[in-house]
Amino acid sequence: MPGAPFRIAFVLLLALSAPARAGERSDRTMVIVHSAALTSAAESWSAYRVSDGWTVVRIPIDAGAAPEAIRTRIRACLRRARSNEPASSDAPHETAILLLGDADAIPPFPFEQPDPRLVTPGTEASFISDHPYRLADDRDEVPDWSLGRVPARSNDEAESVLAKVRQYEQEAPPGAWRARLAFVAGEGRFGAADQLLETLFRAMVETMLPPSSDLSMIYASPASSYCPPPSQLEDAVVSRLGEDNLLFVYLGHGSPHALDRLRIGRAAFPILGRGAVARLDTPRAGLPIAFLGCCSTGWFDEPSGKPCLAESMLLTPGGPAAVIAGSRPTHPYGTAVLQKNLTRILLEVQPPTVGELDRLIDAAMLHRSAADLVLDGAAAPVAAAMHWPVGLSGLRLMHVRMYNLLGDPAMRIAYPRARVTELSIRDGVLRGVVHGIDEGTARVTVETRRDDCVRPDALEAVLGADDPELERKARSNFETMADRTLAVTSAAVRNGAFEARLPRPMPERAAIVRVVIESTGPPAARREAIGGLRLPAPGTGRDRREPTRPLTQ
């Protein structure tokens, strides 16, 4: 029960591994908390991270451990690690905590849910969180360490996730996918809050995403041109998950074992369920990081032990490499702010690991930026009109706690490995300098805005959900909206520079120029660089010159 005292039934044991390399001191410490039953997998994980340059400390626990006792041991362990550093060392120390085990083995912290609208009927008014494990002290709620959970119930499950992480880090292929984002949205049905979410999404697509990023969209609404044929909706979403993407984002409604359904009359078409996720059973390296911006898909403490959707995605060989999901019903405001921070920090700050990405997202939730003030200005009237029982600051903290990372927090994110700089257009020629690639090929595309397409005149109006030609029109519109490329050209990269002649005049709907560069050489040694420019509005008569905002590792 929430608030009930926890009993400490045992003394935790510490098992310290060897340092990263004999005679060297690592500035990265990883703590692996694991059940005794997963000792074999914990040893494998420890050995892999030691080979990657981490100092690893293992904390094996027995059944019945209270979360407060586990947290006390984590804090003591990390204080000891910092005290062993040279006094003259002022280099930043990277810390990651891996909870290796499900909620029965490593219990999360319970929190009371103050908003009765966010309580699932028939359940307790509470939610669970791993957030307190990453706090160095009780002074504030800003996370000090990165943390993730691999909710494995057996050594085989844990070893399977470790194999997935290894393949992602060591074998991820080169290519444009390292700057590609896949967005899927369901119908809001939030009432007045719907407009807030839709406004945020439109602004994010055109203003928050740098021109170097590619984007695909699915919107499960029959009125949208981004809606595939309803009968093929789940297949389309599984296909997106099966593509190589840097990030997969879902926004909408959800439940512990599935995303929402598209409702048309008496028919209901699933967006994604656990059964469909199971089809992603082929291991591969170009996996996305997934954010499920919806209710309950991260409900990883079900008494039955049945995996939630986020767990199923992580434990499936071809599913996402890591998943951020809410453990109970979420609020559209908190989800919107968190998704905004995720996109900005991933593409602009580019933290090296998924755990650091998650930590920075939540730190940003607790420190309002100028953009947050604008968003809060739009949210405040909605909150007042709908009588939200929790204020905006309270909702931010609630969602810092409720959204948990499932995955290895030390997993390195597969950004592009080289970068494009000094990108400019002058006299119809795109010029750029590439750092990290001496020789290669540049593929240049001229594209429309992300909410536009090459042939908008080919879009067919859908006459509501009852349109007898909905399937045909949706198929045609979905394919039409996917085509945003107006022109393609290529150029050789020599001595780290390239020049590519663009069409003259530019196509009428041209808004973005993107360049994807791949180095020459054997596939295993190839690297990529990705850059882009937004073109000036038609009629300005200017060429565009500005530093690109590259994605780079």
Protein backbone atom coordinates (compact mmCIF):
# COMPACT_ATOMS: atom_id res chain seq x y z
CA MET A 1 0.00 0.00 0.00
CA PRO A 2 1.23 3.57 -0.70
CA GLY A 3 2.89 5.07 2.36
CA ALA A 4 3.16 1.77 4.21
CA PRO A 5 6.50 1.21 6.00
CA PHE A 6 9.00 -1.13 4.38
CA ARG A 7 10.95 -3.73 6.35
CA ILE A 8 14.65 -4.31 5.76
CA ALA A 9 15.01 -8.10 5.70
CA PHE A 10 18.66 -8.51 4.83
CA VAL A 11 22.06 -6.88 4.40
CA LEU A 12 23.09 -6.05 0.84
CA LEU A 13 26.40 -7.38 -0.43
CA LEU A 14 28.73 -5.42 -2.69
CA ALA A 15 30.71 -7.17 -5.40
CA LEU A 16 33.25 -4.90 -7.08
CA SER A 17 34.55 -5.77 -10.51
CA ALA A 18 37.99 -5.00 -11.89
CA PRO A 19 38.60 -1.43 -13.10
CA ALA A 20 38.25 -0.65 -16.79
CA ARG A 21 41.89 -1.44 -17.54
CA ALA A 22 44.69 -2.46 -15.25
CA GLY A 23 46.53 0.59 -13.95
CA GLU A 24 43.94 3.07 -15.27
CA ARG A 25 41.20 4.95 -13.47
CA SER A 26 37.84 5.29 -15.20
CA ASP A 27 35.80 8.50 -14.96
CA ARG A 28 32.67 6.41 -15.52
CA THR A 29 31.06 4.29 -12.81
CA MET A 30 28.21 1.87 -13.37
CA VAL A 31 26.23 0.26 -10.57
CA ILE A 32 24.37 -2.93 -11.46
CA VAL A 33 21.66 -3.81 -8.95
CA HIS A 34 20.41 -7.33 -9.60
CA SER A 35 18.53 -10.17 -8.01
CA ALA A 36 20.57 -13.16 -6.92
CA ALA A 37 18.80 -15.20 -9.60
CA LEU A 38 20.29 -12.98 -12.32
CA THR A 39 23.90 -13.18 -11.14
CA SER A 40 25.07 -14.85 -14.35
CA ALA A 41 23.57 -12.12 -16.56
CA ALA A 42 24.88 -9.41 -14.22
CA GLU A 43 28.39 -10.82 -14.57
CA SER A 44 28.06 -10.77 -18.37
CA TRP A 45 26.79 -7.17 -18.29
CA SER A 46 29.60 -6.16 -15.94
CA ALA A 47 32.26 -7.72 -18.17
CA TYR A 48 30.87 -5.95 -21.24
CA ARG A 49 30.78 -2.53 -19.59
CA VAL A 50 34.26 -2.98 -18.11
CA SER A 51 35.53 -3.70 -21.62
CA ASP A 52 33.82 -0.46 -22.67
CA GLY A 53 35.74 1.62 -20.13
CA TRP A 54 33.41 1.63 -17.11
CA THR A 55 34.25 0.79 -13.54
CA VAL A 56 31.42 -1.52 -12.52
CA VAL A 57 30.06 -2.23 -9.04
CA ARG A 58 27.48 -4.97 -8.60
CA ILE A 59 24.90 -5.00 -5.79
CA PRO A 60 23.21 -8.41 -5.56
CA ILE A 61 20.02 -8.45 -3.52
CA ASP A 62 17.77 -11.12 -2.06
CA ALA A 63 14.00 -11.37 -2.11
CA GLY A 64 12.15 -8.89 0.09
CA ALA A 65 14.46 -5.92 -0.35
CA ALA A 66 12.85 -2.59 0.46
CA PRO A 67 13.47 0.20 -2.07
CA GLU A 68 14.79 2.54 0.63
CA ALA A 69 17.42 -0.01 1.65
CA ILE A 70 18.50 -0.54 -1.95
CA ARG A 71 18.76 3.22 -2.50
CA THR A 72 20.86 3.59 0.67
CA ARG A 73 23.33 1.03 -0.64
CA ILE A 74 23.49 2.68 -4.06
CA ARG A 75 24.26 6.05 -2.48
CA ALA A 76 26.92 4.57 -0.20
CA CYS A 77 28.49 2.74 -3.10
CA LEU A 78 28.71 5.88 -5.25
CA ARG A 79 30.01 8.01 -2.37
CA ARG A 80 32.78 5.45 -1.97
CA ALA A 81 33.54 5.56 -5.68
CA ARG A 82 33.83 9.37 -5.64
CA SER A 83 35.97 9.37 -2.50
CA ASN A 84 38.51 7.19 -4.29
CA GLU A 85 39.04 9.79 -7.00
CA PRO A 86 42.22 11.92 -6.90
CA ALA A 87 41.67 15.18 -5.04
CA SER A 88 42.97 17.10 -8.05
CA SER A 89 40.43 15.51 -10.39
CA ASP A 90 37.83 18.01 -11.56
CA ALA A 91 36.77 16.10 -14.68
CA PRO A 92 33.04 15.30 -14.84
CA HIS A 93 32.23 11.84 -13.52
CA GLU A 94 29.63 9.89 -15.46
CA THR A 95 27.40 7.61 -13.38
CA ALA A 96 24.87 5.04 -14.55
CA ILE A 97 22.66 2.73 -12.50
CA LEU A 98 21.20 -0.42 -14.06
CA LEU A 99 18.34 -2.16 -12.25
CA LEU A 100 18.58 -5.70 -13.62
CA GLY A 101 15.36 -7.45 -12.66
CA ASP A 102 11.61 -7.00 -12.62
CA ALA A 103 9.51 -5.19 -10.03
CA ASP A 104 9.20 -8.29 -7.82
CA ALA A 105 12.98 -8.55 -7.50
CA ILE A 106 13.85 -4.83 -7.37
CA PRO A 107 10.78 -2.95 -6.12
CA PRO A 108 10.03 0.54 -7.47
CA PHE A 109 8.95 3.37 -5.19
CA PRO A 110 5.18 3.97 -4.76
CA PHE A 111 3.67 7.47 -4.93
CA GLU A 112 0.15 8.57 -4.18
CA GLN A 113 -1.79 9.85 -7.19
CA PRO A 114 -3.35 13.22 -6.27
CA ASP A 115 -5.40 13.46 -9.49
CA PRO A 116 -8.44 11.15 -9.28
CA ARG A 117 -8.89 11.44 -13.05
CA LEU A 118 -5.61 9.56 -13.50
CA VAL A 119 -6.62 6.53 -11.44
CA THR A 120 -7.59 3.39 -13.34
CA PRO A 121 -10.95 2.09 -12.02
CA GLY A 122 -10.47 -0.85 -9.69
CA THR A 123 -6.86 0.02 -8.85
CA GLU A 124 -5.16 1.90 -6.03
CA ALA A 125 -4.73 5.67 -6.26
CA SER A 126 -0.98 5.39 -6.74
CA PHE A 127 1.76 4.99 -9.33
CA ILE A 128 5.24 3.49 -9.25
CA SER A 129 8.60 5.02 -10.09
CA ASP A 130 12.31 4.21 -10.31
CA HIS A 131 13.15 7.93 -10.12
CA PRO A 132 14.22 8.02 -6.42
CA TYR A 133 17.03 5.56 -7.12
CA ARG A 134 18.87 8.23 -9.15
CA LEU A 135 18.84 10.93 -6.44
CA ALA A 136 22.14 11.42 -4.60
CA ASP A 137 20.30 12.97 -1.65
CA ASP A 138 16.88 14.24 -0.60
CA ARG A 139 17.50 17.95 -1.17
CA ASP A 140 15.58 18.15 -4.45
CA GLU A 141 14.02 16.03 -7.19
CA VAL A 142 16.51 16.86 -9.96
CA PRO A 143 18.09 13.54 -11.01
CA ASP A 144 21.81 13.27 -10.23
CA TRP A 145 22.57 9.98 -12.01
CA SER A 146 21.33 8.23 -15.11
CA LEU A 147 19.25 5.13 -14.47
CA GLY A 148 17.47 2.43 -16.42
CA ARG A 149 15.76 -0.86 -15.71
CA VAL A 150 15.96 -4.11 -17.67
CA PRO A 151 12.90 -5.95 -16.26
CA ALA A 152 14.20 -9.43 -17.02
CA ARG A 153 12.75 -12.41 -15.16
CA SER A 154 15.45 -14.88 -16.18
CA ASN A 155 19.10 -14.94 -17.18
CA ASP A 156 18.05 -15.80 -20.73
CA GLU A 157 15.85 -12.68 -20.97
CA ALA A 158 18.61 -10.49 -19.56
CA GLU A 159 21.25 -11.98 -21.87
CA SER A 160 18.92 -11.40 -24.83
CA VAL A 161 18.66 -7.68 -24.02
CA LEU A 162 22.43 -7.48 -23.53
CA ALA A 163 22.94 -9.08 -26.95
CA LYS A 164 20.60 -6.45 -28.42
CA VAL A 165 22.57 -3.62 -26.77
CA ARG A 166 25.88 -5.06 -27.99
CA GLN A 167 24.62 -5.32 -31.55
CA TYR A 168 23.24 -1.77 -31.47
CA GLU A 169 26.51 -0.32 -30.15
CA GLN A 170 28.91 -2.40 -32.24
CA GLU A 171 27.11 -3.14 -35.52
CA ALA A 172 24.70 -0.25 -36.17
CA PRO A 173 24.96 0.38 -39.93
CA PRO A 174 25.95 3.69 -41.49
CA GLY A 175 23.34 5.81 -43.18
CA ALA A 176 20.63 8.43 -43.08
CA TRP A 177 18.62 6.53 -40.45
CA ARG A 178 20.84 8.05 -37.74
CA ALA A 179 18.97 11.34 -38.25
CA ARG A 180 15.51 9.90 -38.97
CA LEU A 181 12.55 10.16 -36.59
CA ALA A 182 9.30 8.21 -36.82
CA PHE A 183 6.20 9.79 -35.26
CA VAL A 184 2.91 7.98 -34.69
CA ALA A 185 -0.11 9.69 -33.14
CA GLY A 186 -3.56 8.56 -32.13
CA GLU A 187 -6.68 10.67 -31.85
CA GLY A 188 -6.50 12.71 -28.67
CA ARG A 189 -10.05 12.70 -27.35
CA PHE A 190 -8.74 14.88 -24.50
CA GLY A 191 -11.36 17.57 -25.06
CA ALA A 192 -9.98 21.10 -24.75
CA ALA A 193 -6.45 19.77 -24.18
CA ASP A 194 -6.37 18.32 -27.70
CA GLN A 195 -5.63 21.71 -29.21
CA LEU A 196 -2.64 22.12 -26.89
CA LEU A 197 -1.13 18.84 -28.07
CA GLU A 198 -1.81 19.51 -31.75
CA THR A 199 -0.32 23.01 -31.51
CA LEU A 200 2.80 21.64 -29.84
CA PHE A 201 3.20 18.92 -32.45
CA ARG A 202 2.89 21.29 -35.43
CA ALA A 203 5.36 23.73 -33.88
CA MET A 204 7.80 20.94 -33.09
CA VAL A 205 7.75 19.52 -36.61
CA GLU A 206 8.70 22.78 -38.32
CA THR A 207 10.64 24.71 -35.68
CA MET A 208 12.21 22.25 -33.23
CA LEU A 209 13.51 19.69 -35.71
CA PRO A 210 16.69 20.83 -37.46
CA PRO A 211 16.65 20.65 -41.27
CA SER A 212 19.19 17.81 -41.11
CA SER A 213 16.55 15.52 -39.56
CA ASP A 214 14.27 13.32 -41.62
CA LEU A 215 10.74 12.54 -40.46
CA SER A 216 7.95 10.07 -41.13
CA MET A 217 4.45 10.44 -39.69
CA ILE A 218 1.39 8.29 -39.06
CA TYR A 219 -1.75 9.85 -37.60
CA ALA A 220 -4.50 7.37 -36.77
CA SER A 221 -7.40 9.65 -37.67
CA PRO A 222 -9.55 9.06 -40.77
CA ALA A 223 -9.60 12.80 -41.47
CA SER A 224 -5.80 12.96 -41.72
CA SER A 225 -3.77 12.50 -44.88
CA TYR A 226 -1.16 10.80 -42.68
CA CYS A 227 -3.58 7.95 -41.89
CA PRO A 228 -2.87 4.65 -43.67
CA PRO A 229 -5.83 2.47 -44.69
CA PRO A 230 -7.49 1.59 -41.36
CA SER A 231 -7.32 -2.13 -42.11
CA GLN A 232 -3.52 -1.80 -42.49
CA LEU A 233 -2.89 0.59 -39.58
CA GLU A 234 -1.13 -1.85 -37.24
CA ASP A 235 0.92 -3.27 -40.11
CA ALA A 236 2.08 0.26 -40.96
CA VAL A 237 3.12 0.94 -37.36
CA VAL A 238 4.98 -2.37 -37.09
CA SER A 239 6.71 -1.49 -40.35
CA ARG A 240 7.86 1.83 -38.84
CA LEU A 241 9.20 0.01 -35.78
CA GLY A 242 10.98 -2.41 -38.08
CA GLU A 243 12.73 0.37 -39.99
CA ASP A 244 16.11 1.80 -39.01
CA ASN A 245 15.31 5.03 -37.12
CA LEU A 246 17.07 7.06 -34.46
CA LEU A 247 13.82 7.67 -32.55
CA PHE A 248 10.27 6.27 -32.53
CA VAL A 249 7.63 8.45 -30.83
CA TYR A 250 4.00 7.63 -30.10
CA LEU A 251 1.58 10.27 -28.79
CA GLY A 252 -2.01 9.42 -27.91
CA HIS A 253 -3.86 6.97 -25.69
CA GLY A 254 -2.55 3.69 -24.40
CA SER A 255 -3.11 0.85 -21.96
CA PRO A 256 -0.75 -1.61 -20.26
CA HIS A 257 -0.60 -3.97 -23.24
CA ALA A 258 -1.48 -1.89 -26.31
CA LEU A 259 -1.65 1.51 -27.89
CA ASP A 260 -5.02 3.01 -28.80
CA ARG A 261 -7.44 1.85 -31.49
CA LEU A 262 -8.82 3.79 -34.43
CA ARG A 263 -12.60 3.68 -34.06
CA ILE A 264 -14.74 3.87 -37.17
CA GLY A 265 -18.37 3.15 -36.47
CA ARG A 266 -18.53 -0.19 -34.69
CA ALA A 267 -15.12 -1.25 -35.96
CA ALA A 268 -11.91 -0.72 -34.00
CA PHE A 269 -8.52 -1.00 -35.68
CA PRO A 270 -5.50 -1.46 -33.36
CA ILE A 271 -2.51 0.86 -33.61
CA LEU A 272 -0.13 -1.56 -31.89
CA GLY A 273 -0.46 -4.45 -29.45
CA ARG A 274 1.89 -6.94 -27.83
CA GLY A 275 1.02 -9.59 -30.42
CA ALA A 276 2.13 -7.33 -33.25
CA VAL A 277 5.34 -6.42 -31.42
CA ALA A 278 6.19 -10.13 -31.28
CA ARG A 279 6.52 -10.08 -35.07
CA LEU A 280 9.74 -8.07 -34.63
CA ASP A 281 11.59 -11.27 -33.80
CA THR A 282 14.65 -10.83 -36.04
CA PRO A 283 17.70 -9.29 -34.31
CA ARG A 284 19.12 -6.22 -36.05
CA ALA A 285 21.36 -3.29 -35.24
CA GLY A 286 19.53 -0.20 -36.54
CA LEU A 287 17.06 -0.05 -33.67
CA PRO A 288 15.23 3.08 -32.50
CA ILE A 289 14.92 4.48 -29.03
CA ALA A 290 11.18 4.57 -28.31
CA PHE A 291 9.12 7.11 -26.39
CA LEU A 292 5.53 6.07 -25.66
CA GLY A 293 3.77 9.31 -24.78
CA CYS A 294 0.56 7.79 -23.44
CA CYS A 295 -1.01 6.11 -20.45
CA SER A 296 0.17 2.93 -18.75
CA THR A 297 2.31 1.24 -21.44
CA GLY A 298 5.16 1.17 -18.89
CA TRP A 299 3.09 -0.60 -16.18
CA PHE A 300 5.95 -2.99 -15.37
CA ASP A 301 4.71 -4.15 -11.94
CA GLU A 302 1.58 -6.10 -12.85
CA PRO A 303 0.90 -8.71 -10.12
CA SER A 304 0.35 -11.37 -12.78
CA GLY A 305 3.86 -10.83 -14.09
CA LYS A 306 2.49 -10.31 -17.60
CA PRO A 307 4.83 -7.96 -19.49
CA CYS A 308 3.48 -4.52 -20.33
CA LEU A 309 3.84 -3.17 -23.87
CA ALA A 310 7.10 -1.34 -23.11
CA GLU A 311 8.61 -4.48 -21.58
CA SER A 312 7.53 -6.53 -24.60
CA MET A 313 9.16 -4.02 -26.94
CA LEU A 314 12.45 -4.13 -25.02
CA LEU A 315 12.50 -7.92 -24.66
CA THR A 316 11.70 -8.56 -28.34
CA PRO A 317 14.93 -9.04 -30.37
CA GLY A 318 13.93 -6.62 -33.15
CA GLY A 319 12.09 -4.16 -30.92
CA PRO A 320 13.45 -0.79 -29.74
CA ALA A 321 16.86 -0.68 -28.06
CA ALA A 322 15.36 1.25 -25.12
CA VAL A 323 11.87 2.48 -24.18
CA ILE A 324 10.67 5.44 -22.11
CA ALA A 325 7.08 4.89 -20.96
CA GLY A 326 4.60 5.86 -18.23
CA SER A 327 3.88 3.41 -15.42
CA ARG A 328 0.25 4.50 -14.94
CA PRO A 329 -2.30 6.85 -16.60
CA THR A 330 -0.51 10.04 -17.66
CA HIS A 331 -1.64 13.62 -18.24
CA PRO A 332 -1.50 15.28 -21.69
CA TYR A 333 0.30 18.35 -20.33
CA GLY A 334 3.11 16.43 -18.65
CA THR A 335 3.49 14.16 -21.66
CA ALA A 336 3.62 17.13 -24.05
CA VAL A 337 6.38 18.88 -22.10
CA LEU A 338 8.39 15.69 -21.75
CA GLN A 339 8.15 14.89 -25.46
CA LYS A 340 9.25 18.44 -26.34
CA ASN A 341 12.28 18.12 -24.07
CA LEU A 342 13.13 14.70 -25.48
CA THR A 343 13.21 15.92 -29.07
CA ARG A 344 15.19 19.07 -28.28
CA ILE A 345 17.79 17.38 -26.09
CA LEU A 346 18.28 14.40 -28.41
CA LEU A 347 18.82 16.57 -31.50
CA GLU A 348 20.54 19.63 -30.02
CA VAL A 349 22.39 18.54 -26.88
CA GLN A 350 23.08 14.99 -28.11
CA PRO A 351 23.95 13.31 -24.81
CA PRO A 352 26.15 10.27 -25.40
CA THR A 353 24.02 7.63 -23.66
CA VAL A 354 20.32 6.89 -23.41
CA GLY A 355 20.49 7.16 -19.62
CA GLU A 356 21.99 10.64 -19.81
CA LEU A 357 19.32 11.57 -22.36
CA ASP A 358 16.62 10.48 -19.91
CA ARG A 359 18.28 12.32 -17.01
CA LEU A 360 18.57 15.59 -18.94
CA ILE A 361 14.96 15.33 -20.13
CA ASP A 362 13.74 15.09 -16.55
CA ALA A 363 16.09 17.81 -15.29
CA ALA A 364 14.63 20.09 -17.97
CA MET A 365 11.12 19.21 -16.79
CA LEU A 366 11.96 20.76 -13.42
CA HIS A 367 13.60 23.94 -14.81
CA ARG A 368 11.30 26.03 -17.00
CA SER A 369 12.81 27.50 -20.15
CA ALA A 370 11.51 30.42 -22.21
CA ALA A 371 9.75 27.92 -24.48
CA ASP A 372 8.14 26.34 -21.41
CA LEU A 373 6.73 29.70 -20.35
CA VAL A 374 5.03 30.03 -23.74
CA LEU A 375 3.62 26.51 -23.46
CA ASP A 376 2.47 27.13 -19.89
CA GLY A 377 0.77 30.31 -21.03
CA ALA A 378 -1.29 28.21 -23.43
CA ALA A 379 -1.90 25.47 -20.85
CA ALA A 380 -3.00 27.68 -17.96
CA PRO A 381 -6.42 28.67 -19.40
CA VAL A 382 -7.12 25.02 -20.26
CA ALA A 383 -6.17 23.98 -16.73
CA ALA A 384 -8.47 26.60 -15.25
CA ALA A 385 -11.39 25.77 -17.53
CA MET A 386 -11.09 22.02 -16.86
CA HIS A 387 -10.38 22.45 -13.13
CA TRP A 388 -7.19 20.41 -13.13
CA PRO A 389 -6.67 19.27 -9.51
CA VAL A 390 -2.86 19.39 -9.84
CA GLY A 391 -0.94 22.51 -10.85
CA LEU A 392 1.51 22.66 -13.74
CA SER A 393 4.60 22.32 -11.51
CA GLY A 394 3.04 19.33 -9.78
CA LEU A 395 2.27 17.71 -13.12
CA ARG A 396 5.86 18.17 -14.26
CA LEU A 397 7.20 16.43 -11.15
CA MET A 398 4.59 13.69 -11.42
CA HIS A 399 5.73 12.86 -14.94
CA VAL A 400 9.42 12.97 -14.03
CA ARG A 401 8.54 10.19 -11.62
CA MET A 402 6.01 8.32 -13.74
CA TYR A 403 7.97 8.00 -17.00
CA ASN A 404 10.71 5.39 -16.55
CA LEU A 405 13.53 4.26 -18.82
CA LEU A 406 13.51 0.56 -19.66
CA GLY A 407 16.94 -0.30 -21.03
CA ASP A 408 20.66 -0.05 -20.33
CA PRO A 409 21.40 3.55 -19.24
CA ALA A 410 25.01 3.23 -20.46
CA MET A 411 23.96 2.39 -24.03
CA ARG A 412 25.61 4.77 -26.50
CA ILE A 413 23.21 6.51 -28.90
CA ALA A 414 23.85 5.95 -32.62
CA TYR A 415 24.22 9.53 -33.82
CA PRO A 416 25.99 10.25 -37.13
CA ARG A 417 29.73 9.77 -36.65
CA ALA A 418 31.00 12.70 -38.70
CA ARG A 419 29.65 16.21 -39.17
CA VAL A 420 28.90 18.74 -41.88
CA THR A 421 29.91 22.36 -41.24
CA GLU A 422 30.06 25.61 -43.18
CA LEU A 423 27.08 24.52 -45.25
CA SER A 424 25.95 27.26 -47.65
CA ILE A 425 24.21 27.94 -50.95
CA ARG A 426 25.79 30.49 -53.25
CA ASP A 427 25.01 31.01 -56.95
CA GLY A 428 22.95 27.82 -57.03
CA VAL A 429 25.73 25.63 -55.59
CA LEU A 430 25.56 23.87 -52.22
CA ARG A 431 28.98 23.83 -50.56
CA GLY A 432 30.05 22.15 -47.37
CA VAL A 433 32.95 20.98 -45.26
CA VAL A 434 32.89 17.52 -43.68
CA HIS A 435 34.79 16.76 -40.48
CA GLY A 436 35.57 13.08 -40.12
CA ILE A 437 35.23 12.05 -43.78
CA ASP A 438 37.96 12.77 -46.33
CA GLU A 439 36.56 10.89 -49.34
CA GLY A 440 32.99 9.84 -50.03
CA THR A 441 29.72 10.64 -51.76
CA ALA A 442 27.22 13.36 -50.90
CA ARG A 443 23.55 12.74 -51.72
CA VAL A 444 21.63 16.02 -51.80
CA THR A 445 17.84 16.24 -51.71
CA VAL A 446 15.61 19.27 -52.16
CA GLU A 447 12.48 18.74 -50.07
CA THR A 448 9.16 20.34 -49.17
CA ARG A 449 8.21 21.40 -45.68
CA ARG A 450 7.62 18.44 -43.40
CA ASP A 451 3.87 19.11 -43.33
CA ASP A 452 3.75 19.39 -47.14
CA CYS A 453 4.29 17.01 -50.06
CA VAL A 454 5.33 17.05 -53.72
CA ARG A 455 1.78 16.75 -55.10
CA PRO A 456 -0.78 18.23 -52.69
CA ASP A 457 -3.20 18.46 -55.62
CA ALA A 458 -3.36 14.64 -55.60
CA LEU A 459 -4.79 14.50 -52.08
CA GLU A 460 -8.42 13.39 -51.95
CA ALA A 461 -10.88 14.77 -49.43
CA VAL A 462 -12.19 12.18 -46.97
CA LEU A 463 -15.87 12.63 -46.20
CA GLY A 464 -15.62 11.59 -42.57
CA ALA A 465 -15.29 8.13 -41.03
CA ASP A 466 -18.33 6.96 -42.99
CA ASP A 467 -16.77 7.68 -46.39
CA PRO A 468 -17.39 4.49 -48.42
CA GLU A 469 -14.05 5.00 -50.19
CA LEU A 470 -12.06 5.58 -47.00
CA GLU A 471 -9.68 2.64 -47.53
CA ARG A 472 -8.78 3.66 -51.09
CA LYS A 473 -8.48 7.36 -50.31
CA ALA A 474 -6.42 6.73 -47.19
CA ARG A 475 -3.99 4.53 -49.13
CA SER A 476 -3.59 7.14 -51.85
CA ASN A 477 -3.24 10.08 -49.44
CA PHE A 478 -0.78 8.23 -47.18
CA GLU A 479 1.50 7.45 -50.11
CA THR A 480 1.20 11.00 -51.44
CA MET A 481 2.16 12.59 -48.10
CA ALA A 482 5.21 10.32 -47.82
CA ASP A 483 6.73 11.88 -50.96
CA ARG A 484 8.50 15.11 -50.00
CA THR A 485 11.54 14.90 -52.29
CA LEU A 486 11.45 17.41 -55.15
CA ALA A 487 14.95 16.86 -56.59
CA VAL A 488 18.01 14.67 -56.00
CA THR A 489 21.63 15.23 -56.96
CA SER A 490 24.99 13.91 -55.82
CA ALA A 491 28.58 15.06 -55.58
CA ALA A 492 31.96 13.64 -54.68
CA VAL A 493 33.56 14.48 -51.35
CA ARG A 494 37.26 15.18 -51.77
CA ASN A 495 39.65 16.27 -49.04
CA GLY A 496 36.72 16.77 -46.68
CA ALA A 497 34.73 19.16 -48.89
CA PHE A 498 32.06 19.00 -51.59
CA GLU A 499 30.12 21.16 -54.06
CA ALA A 500 26.74 20.16 -55.51
CA ARG A 501 24.84 22.15 -58.13
CA LEU A 502 21.17 22.60 -57.23
CA PRO A 503 18.25 22.93 -59.67
CA ARG A 504 17.80 26.40 -61.14
CA PRO A 505 15.22 27.61 -60.59
CA MET A 506 14.40 25.81 -57.38
CA PRO A 507 11.16 23.78 -57.41
CA GLU A 508 8.16 25.81 -56.33
CA ARG A 509 7.58 24.03 -53.00
CA ALA A 510 11.25 23.76 -52.00
CA ALA A 511 11.78 24.44 -48.28
CA ILE A 512 14.69 22.27 -47.12
CA VAL A 513 17.98 21.08 -48.60
CA ARG A 514 19.43 17.96 -46.91
CA VAL A 515 22.76 16.29 -47.53
CA VAL A 516 23.69 12.76 -46.48
CA ILE A 517 27.37 11.91 -46.85
CA GLU A 518 28.80 8.41 -46.68
CA SER A 519 32.51 7.69 -46.69
CA THR A 520 34.16 5.28 -49.08
CA GLY A 521 35.66 1.99 -47.94
CA PRO A 522 34.39 -1.37 -46.70
CA PRO A 523 30.91 -1.31 -45.09
CA ALA A 524 32.21 -1.94 -41.57
CA ALA A 525 34.46 1.13 -41.79
CA ARG A 526 32.01 3.55 -43.39
CA ARG A 527 30.92 6.71 -41.62
CA GLU A 528 28.17 9.20 -42.31
CA ALA A 529 27.55 12.91 -41.90
CA ILE A 530 24.17 14.60 -42.23
CA GLY A 531 23.37 18.29 -42.58
CA GLY A 532 20.66 20.57 -43.85
CA LEU A 533 19.49 24.12 -44.54
CA ARG A 534 16.09 25.76 -44.51
CA LEU A 535 15.54 27.71 -47.69
CA PRO A 536 14.37 31.34 -47.60
CA ALA A 537 10.74 32.06 -48.18
CA PRO A 538 9.85 32.44 -51.88
CA GLY A 539 10.39 35.92 -53.24
CA THR A 540 13.14 37.01 -50.84
CA GLY A 541 15.77 36.76 -53.57
CA ARG A 542 18.45 35.60 -51.14
CA ASP A 543 20.79 32.66 -51.08
CA ARG A 544 21.00 30.90 -47.75
CA ARG A 545 24.20 30.79 -45.70
CA GLU A 546 24.32 29.60 -42.11
CA PRO A 547 26.13 26.98 -40.02
CA THR A 548 24.26 23.72 -40.22
CA ARG A 549 22.98 22.16 -37.00
CA PRO A 550 24.43 18.73 -37.60
CA LEU A 551 23.65 15.53 -35.79
CA THR A 552 27.04 14.19 -34.83
CA GLN A 553 28.56 11.74 -32.42
